[in-house]
PDB file of N, CA and C in Angstrom:
ATOM      1  N   MET A   1     -10.121  -1.152   7.908  1.00  0.00           N
ATOM      2  CA  MET A   1      -8.892  -1.929   8.416  1.00  0.00           C
ATOM      3  C   MET A   1      -7.336  -1.408   8.155  1.00  0.00           C
ATOM      4  N   LYS A   2      -7.260  -1.316   8.634  1.00  0.00           N
ATOM      5  CA  LYS A   2      -5.083  -0.357   8.745  1.00  0.00           C
ATOM      6  C   LYS A   2      -4.510  -2.041   8.849  1.00  0.00           C
ATOM      7  N   SER A   3      -2.973  -1.757   8.008  1.00  0.00           N
ATOM      8  CA  SER A   3      -3.024  -2.744   8.119  1.00  0.00           C
ATOM      9  C   SER A   3      -1.279  -2.323   9.049  1.00  0.00           C
ATOM     10  N   ARG A   4      -0.270  -3.098   8.965  1.00  0.00           N
ATOM     11  CA  ARG A   4       1.052  -2.815   9.258  1.00  0.00           C
ATOM     12  C   ARG A   4       1.848  -2.227   8.951  1.00  0.00           C
ATOM     13  N   PRO A   5       2.374  -1.064   9.869  1.00  0.00           N
ATOM     14  CA  PRO A   5       3.741  -0.456   8.758  1.00  0.00           C
ATOM     15  C   PRO A   5       4.364  -1.253   8.025  1.00  0.00           C
ATOM     16  N   TYR A   6       4.895  -1.500   6.418  1.00  0.00           N
ATOM     17  CA  TYR A   6       5.766  -1.644   6.004  1.00  0.00           C
ATOM     18  C   TYR A   6       7.040  -1.129   5.550  1.00  0.00           C
ATOM     19  N   GLN A   7       7.804  -1.152   5.792  1.00  0.00           N
ATOM     20  CA  GLN A   7       9.261  -0.747   5.389  1.00  0.00           C
ATOM     21  C   GLN A   7       9.492  -0.544   4.444  1.00  0.00           C
ATOM     22  N   MET A   8       9.917   0.444   3.110  1.00  0.00           N
ATOM     23  CA  MET A   8      10.547   0.841   2.152  1.00  0.00           C
ATOM     24  C   MET A   8      11.724   1.486   2.357  1.00  0.00           C
ATOM     25  N   PRO A   9      12.316   0.949   1.073  1.00  0.00           N
ATOM     26  CA  PRO A   9      14.185   1.500   1.439  1.00  0.00           C
ATOM     27  C   PRO A   9      14.600   2.789   1.595  1.00  0.00           C
ATOM     28  N   GLY A  10      15.237   3.242   2.062  1.00  0.00           N
ATOM     29  CA  GLY A  10      15.468   4.894   1.838  1.00  0.00           C
ATOM     30  C   GLY A  10      14.659   5.150   3.291  1.00  0.00           C
ATOM     31  N   GLY A  11      14.369   4.030   4.158  1.00  0.00           N
ATOM     32  CA  GLY A  11      13.943   4.989   5.339  1.00  0.00           C
ATOM     33  C   GLY A  11      12.071   5.014   5.122  1.00  0.00           C
ATOM     34  N   PHE A  12      11.749   5.095   3.906  1.00  0.00           N
ATOM     35  CA  PHE A  12       9.941   5.462   4.315  1.00  0.00           C
ATOM     36  C   PHE A  12       9.395   4.078   4.550  1.00  0.00           C
ATOM     37  N   THR A  13       8.739   4.361   4.836  1.00  0.00           N
ATOM     38  CA  THR A  13       6.987   3.181   5.425  1.00  0.00           C
ATOM     39  C   THR A  13       5.771   3.501   5.092  1.00  0.00           C
ATOM     40  N   VAL A  14       5.526   2.515   4.246  1.00  0.00           N
ATOM     41  CA  VAL A  14       3.789   3.021   3.924  1.00  0.00           C
ATOM     42  C   VAL A  14       2.944   2.208   4.774  1.00  0.00           C
ATOM     43  N   THR A  15       1.802   2.972   5.058  1.00  0.00           N
ATOM     44  CA  THR A  15       0.719   1.605   5.809  1.00  0.00           C
ATOM     45  C   THR A  15      -0.985   1.959   5.328  1.00  0.00           C
ATOM     46  N   PHE A  16      -1.030   0.893   4.913  1.00  0.00           N
ATOM     47  CA  PHE A  16      -2.580   1.003   3.900  1.00  0.00           C
ATOM     48  C   PHE A  16      -4.029   1.318   5.144  1.00  0.00           C
ATOM     49  N   GLU A  17      -4.861   0.682   4.370  1.00  0.00           N
ATOM     50  CA  GLU A  17      -6.042   1.718   5.620  1.00  0.00           C
ATOM     51  C   GLU A  17      -7.616   1.341   4.223  1.00  0.00           C
ATOM     52  N   PHE A  18      -8.454   0.636   4.374  1.00  0.00           N
ATOM     53  CA  PHE A  18      -9.541   0.524   3.091  1.00  0.00           C
ATOM     54  C   PHE A  18     -11.336   0.304   4.537  1.00  0.00           C
ATOM     55  N   ASP A  19     -11.846   2.051   4.217  1.00  0.00           N
ATOM     56  CA  ASP A  19     -12.776   1.794   5.260  1.00  0.00           C
ATOM     57  C   ASP A  19     -13.957   1.318   5.054  1.00  0.00           C
ATOM     58  N   GLY A  20     -14.443   0.156   3.643  1.00  0.00           N
ATOM     59  CA  GLY A  20     -15.441  -0.143   3.167  1.00  0.00           C
ATOM     60  C   GLY A  20     -15.521   0.830   1.971  1.00  0.00           C
ATOM     61  N   ARG A  21     -15.175   1.903   1.982  1.00  0.00           N
ATOM     62  CA  ARG A  21     -15.307   2.801   0.295  1.00  0.00           C
ATOM     63  C   ARG A  21     -13.978   3.023  -0.139  1.00  0.00           C
ATOM     64  N   ALA A  22     -13.514   3.589   0.605  1.00  0.00           N
ATOM     65  CA  ALA A  22     -12.500   4.292  -0.021  1.00  0.00           C
ATOM     66  C   ALA A  22     -10.958   3.449   0.386  1.00  0.00           C
ATOM     67  N   PHE A  23      -9.504   3.236  -0.238  1.00  0.00           N
ATOM     68  CA  PHE A  23      -8.498   2.735  -0.242  1.00  0.00           C
ATOM     69  C   PHE A  23      -7.255   4.319   0.094  1.00  0.00           C
ATOM     70  N   GLN A  24      -6.809   3.995   1.144  1.00  0.00           N
ATOM     71  CA  GLN A  24      -6.056   5.180   2.175  1.00  0.00           C
ATOM     72  C   GLN A  24      -4.214   4.159   1.892  1.00  0.00           C
ATOM     73  N   VAL A  25      -3.775   5.660   1.708  1.00  0.00           N
ATOM     74  CA  VAL A  25      -2.047   5.490   1.837  1.00  0.00           C
ATOM     75  C   VAL A  25      -1.906   6.287   2.326  1.00  0.00           C
ATOM     76  N   GLU A  26      -0.460   6.419   3.435  1.00  0.00           N
ATOM     77  CA  GLU A  26      -0.159   6.971   4.246  1.00  0.00           C
ATOM     78  C   GLU A  26       1.271   6.553   4.342  1.00  0.00           C
ATOM     79  N   TRP A  27       2.100   7.590   3.830  1.00  0.00           N
ATOM     80  CA  TRP A  27       3.767   7.953   3.563  1.00  0.00           C
ATOM     81  C   TRP A  27       4.281   7.922   4.621  1.00  0.00           C
ATOM     82  N   THR A  28       5.724   7.720   5.356  1.00  0.00           N
ATOM     83  CA  THR A  28       6.129   8.392   6.859  1.00  0.00           C
ATOM     84  C   THR A  28       7.411   8.583   5.852  1.00  0.00           C
ATOM     85  N   PRO A  29       8.410   9.509   6.271  1.00  0.00           N
ATOM     86  CA  PRO A  29       8.127  10.610   6.609  1.00  0.00           C
ATOM     87  C   PRO A  29       7.632  11.347   5.756  1.00  0.00           C
ATOM     88  N   ARG A  30       7.291  11.385   4.271  1.00  0.00           N
ATOM     89  CA  ARG A  30       6.493  11.565   3.541  1.00  0.00           C
ATOM     90  C   ARG A  30       6.491  11.325   2.121  1.00  0.00           C
ATOM     91  N   VAL A  31       5.495  11.736   0.830  1.00  0.00           N
ATOM     92  CA  VAL A  31       5.206  10.633   0.208  1.00  0.00           C
ATOM     93  C   VAL A  31       6.233  11.223  -1.315  1.00  0.00           C
ATOM     94  N   PRO A  32       7.149  10.091  -1.572  1.00  0.00           N
ATOM     95  CA  PRO A  32       8.654  10.443  -1.953  1.00  0.00           C
ATOM     96  C   PRO A  32       7.953  10.868  -3.128  1.00  0.00           C
ATOM     97  N   LYS A  33       9.144  11.211  -3.274  1.00  0.00           N
ATOM     98  CA  LYS A  33       9.037  12.333  -5.326  1.00  0.00           C
ATOM     99  C   LYS A  33      10.261  11.727  -6.235  1.00  0.00           C
ATOM    100  N   GLY A  34       9.795  11.869  -6.877  1.00  0.00           N
ATOM    101  CA  GLY A  34      10.905  11.662  -8.321  1.00  0.00           C
ATOM    102  C   GLY A  34      11.534  10.003  -8.498  1.00  0.00           C
ATOM    103  N   ARG A  35      13.195  10.276  -8.588  1.00  0.00           N
ATOM    104  CA  ARG A  35      13.875   9.343  -8.667  1.00  0.00           C
ATOM    105  C   ARG A  35      13.243   7.884  -7.474  1.00  0.00           C
ATOM    106  N   LYS A  36      13.637   8.686  -6.192  1.00  0.00           N
ATOM    107  CA  LYS A  36      12.954   7.986  -5.131  1.00  0.00           C
ATOM    108  C   LYS A  36      11.511   6.619  -5.069  1.00  0.00           C
ATOM    109  N   ALA A  37      10.723   7.961  -5.365  1.00  0.00           N
ATOM    110  CA  ALA A  37       9.365   7.202  -5.977  1.00  0.00           C
ATOM    111  C   ALA A  37       9.111   6.892  -6.644  1.00  0.00           C
ATOM    112  N   LYS A  38      10.041   6.508  -8.527  1.00  0.00           N
ATOM    113  CA  LYS A  38      10.199   5.171  -9.107  1.00  0.00           C
ATOM    114  C   LYS A  38      11.157   3.932  -8.543  1.00  0.00           C
ATOM    115  N   ARG A  39      11.868   4.150  -7.733  1.00  0.00           N
ATOM    116  CA  ARG A  39      12.452   2.879  -6.930  1.00  0.00           C
ATOM    117  C   ARG A  39      11.513   2.727  -6.201  1.00  0.00           C
ATOM    118  N   LEU A  40      11.172   3.079  -5.632  1.00  0.00           N
ATOM    119  CA  LEU A  40       9.568   2.273  -4.430  1.00  0.00           C
ATOM    120  C   LEU A  40       8.940   1.811  -5.373  1.00  0.00           C
ATOM    121  N   ILE A  41       8.774   2.041  -6.222  1.00  0.00           N
ATOM    122  CA  ILE A  41       7.390   1.720  -6.743  1.00  0.00           C
ATOM    123  C   ILE A  41       7.900  -0.468  -6.914  1.00  0.00           C
ATOM    124  N   PRO A  42       8.159  -1.240  -6.934  1.00  0.00           N
ATOM    125  CA  PRO A  42       7.935  -2.698  -7.299  1.00  0.00           C
ATOM    126  C   PRO A  42       7.594  -2.587  -5.324  1.00  0.00           C
ATOM    127  N   HIS A  43       8.713  -2.076  -4.499  1.00  0.00           N
ATOM    128  CA  HIS A  43       8.237  -2.530  -3.142  1.00  0.00           C
ATOM    129  C   HIS A  43       6.995  -2.082  -2.726  1.00  0.00           C
ATOM    130  N   TYR A  44       6.537  -0.703  -3.363  1.00  0.00           N
ATOM    131  CA  TYR A  44       5.462  -0.196  -2.802  1.00  0.00           C
ATOM    132  C   TYR A  44       4.373  -1.512  -3.114  1.00  0.00           C
ATOM    133  N   ARG A  45       3.957  -1.987  -4.595  1.00  0.00           N
ATOM    134  CA  ARG A  45       3.410  -2.748  -5.412  1.00  0.00           C
ATOM    135  C   ARG A  45       3.277  -4.445  -4.860  1.00  0.00           C
ATOM    136  N   ALA A  46       4.253  -5.422  -4.048  1.00  0.00           N
ATOM    137  CA  ALA A  46       4.545  -6.042  -3.723  1.00  0.00           C
ATOM    138  C   ALA A  46       4.418  -5.915  -1.780  1.00  0.00           C
ATOM    139  N   ALA A  47       4.338  -4.936  -1.148  1.00  0.00           N
ATOM    140  CA  ALA A  47       3.656  -4.371   0.101  1.00  0.00           C
ATOM    141  C   ALA A  47       1.931  -4.620  -0.054  1.00  0.00           C
ATOM    142  N   ARG A  48       1.571  -3.758  -0.489  1.00  0.00           N
ATOM    143  CA  ARG A  48       0.169  -3.537  -1.047  1.00  0.00           C
ATOM    144  C   ARG A  48      -0.630  -4.787  -1.545  1.00  0.00           C
ATOM    145  N   ASP A  49      -0.348  -5.489  -2.579  1.00  0.00           N
ATOM    146  CA  ASP A  49      -0.558  -6.508  -3.226  1.00  0.00           C
ATOM    147  C   ASP A  49      -0.114  -7.514  -1.679  1.00  0.00           C
ATOM    148  N   GLU A  50      -0.130  -7.926  -0.892  1.00  0.00           N
ATOM    149  CA  GLU A  50       0.479  -9.031   0.341  1.00  0.00           C
ATOM    150  C   GLU A  50      -0.384  -8.954   0.978  1.00  0.00           C
ATOM    151  N   TRP A  51      -0.766  -7.073   1.168  1.00  0.00           N
ATOM    152  CA  TRP A  51      -2.034  -6.516   2.097  1.00  0.00           C
ATOM    153  C   TRP A  51      -3.284  -6.874   1.661  1.00  0.00           C
ATOM    154  N   LEU A  52      -3.394  -6.888   0.522  1.00  0.00           N
ATOM    155  CA  LEU A  52      -4.763  -6.802  -0.687  1.00  0.00           C
ATOM    156  C   LEU A  52      -5.545  -8.450   0.053  1.00  0.00           C
ATOM    157  N   ILE A  53      -4.648  -9.287  -0.524  1.00  0.00           N
ATOM    158  CA  ILE A  53      -4.393 -10.524  -0.452  1.00  0.00           C
ATOM    159  C   ILE A  53      -4.940 -10.976   1.008  1.00  0.00           C
ATOM    160  N   GLY A  54      -4.096 -10.532   1.749  1.00  0.00           N
ATOM    161  CA  GLY A  54      -4.734 -11.055   3.002  1.00  0.00           C
ATOM    162  C   GLY A  54      -5.824  -9.796   3.406  1.00  0.00           C
ATOM    163  N   GLN A  55      -6.537  -9.432   2.199  1.00  0.00           N
ATOM    164  CA  GLN A  55      -8.324  -8.745   3.405  1.00  0.00           C
ATOM    165  C   GLN A  55      -8.907  -9.133   1.541  1.00  0.00           C
ATOM    166  N   GLN A  56      -8.418 -10.437   1.133  1.00  0.00           N
ATOM    167  CA  GLN A  56      -9.855 -10.782   0.537  1.00  0.00           C
ATOM    168  C   GLN A  56     -10.987 -11.292   1.242  1.00  0.00           C
ATOM    169  N   THR A  57     -10.600 -11.965   2.329  1.00  0.00           N
ATOM    170  CA  THR A  57     -11.423 -13.181   3.154  1.00  0.00           C
ATOM    171  C   THR A  57     -12.327 -12.017   3.828  1.00  0.00           C
ATOM    172  N   ALA A  58     -11.583 -11.162   4.031  1.00  0.00           N
ATOM    173  CA  ALA A  58     -12.242 -10.052   5.139  1.00  0.00           C
ATOM    174  C   ALA A  58     -13.195  -8.989   4.581  1.00  0.00           C
ATOM    175  N   MET A  59     -13.435  -9.231   3.180  1.00  0.00           N
ATOM    176  CA  MET A  59     -14.043  -7.967   1.986  1.00  0.00           C
ATOM    177  C   MET A  59     -15.121  -9.011   2.045  1.00  0.00           C
ATOM    178  N   GLY A  60     -14.796 -10.445   1.985  1.00  0.00           N
ATOM    179  CA  GLY A  60     -15.929 -11.051   1.412  1.00  0.00           C
ATOM    180  C   GLY A  60     -16.118 -11.550  -0.551  1.00  0.00           C
ATOM    181  N   GLY A  61     -14.388 -11.125  -0.612  1.00  0.00           N
ATOM    182  CA  GLY A  61     -14.531 -11.525  -2.573  1.00  0.00           C
ATOM    183  C   GLY A  61     -13.394 -11.114  -2.598  1.00  0.00           C
ATOM    184  N   ARG A  62     -13.145 -10.858  -4.450  1.00  0.00           N
ATOM    185  CA  ARG A  62     -12.276 -10.891  -5.062  1.00  0.00           C
ATOM    186  C   ARG A  62     -11.389  -9.188  -4.763  1.00  0.00           C
ATOM    187  N   ILE A  63     -10.946  -9.073  -5.519  1.00  0.00           N
ATOM    188  CA  ILE A  63     -10.492  -7.832  -4.828  1.00  0.00           C
ATOM    189  C   ILE A  63      -9.263  -7.055  -7.000  1.00  0.00           C
ATOM    190  N   MET A  64     -10.173  -6.289  -7.119  1.00  0.00           N
ATOM    191  CA  MET A  64      -9.312  -5.999  -8.476  1.00  0.00           C
ATOM    192  C   MET A  64      -7.980  -4.724  -8.271  1.00  0.00           C
ATOM    193  N   VAL A  65      -7.237  -3.913  -8.478  1.00  0.00           N
ATOM    194  CA  VAL A  65      -6.491  -3.177  -8.722  1.00  0.00           C
ATOM    195  C   VAL A  65      -6.399  -2.319  -9.628  1.00  0.00           C
ATOM    196  N   VAL A  66      -6.987  -0.672  -9.831  1.00  0.00           N
ATOM    197  CA  VAL A  66      -6.571  -0.490 -11.361  1.00  0.00           C
ATOM    198  C   VAL A  66      -5.322   0.961 -11.063  1.00  0.00           C
ATOM    199  N   GLU A  67      -4.282   0.520 -11.613  1.00  0.00           N
ATOM    200  CA  GLU A  67      -3.534   1.934 -11.646  1.00  0.00           C
ATOM    201  C   GLU A  67      -3.688   2.986 -12.669  1.00  0.00           C
ATOM    202  N   LEU A  68      -3.534   4.128 -12.474  1.00  0.00           N
ATOM    203  CA  LEU A  68      -3.957   4.983 -13.167  1.00  0.00           C
ATOM    204  C   LEU A  68      -2.609   5.992 -13.160  1.00  0.00           C
TER     205      LEU A  68
END
């Protein structure tokens, strides 16, 4: 299952994918680094959570996210 592209500030786009075993994140045009990355964290989390909540029914259960 692949998400739609989510627009992030600064011209970044993020897309999520879950293949049944692994959760993948694709950034366009590249993975943000440094201060840009820190500023994008709340936007990234909101997009991720929105997509995962919509996937709960398709995955057949609850979803727990652990950030390391």
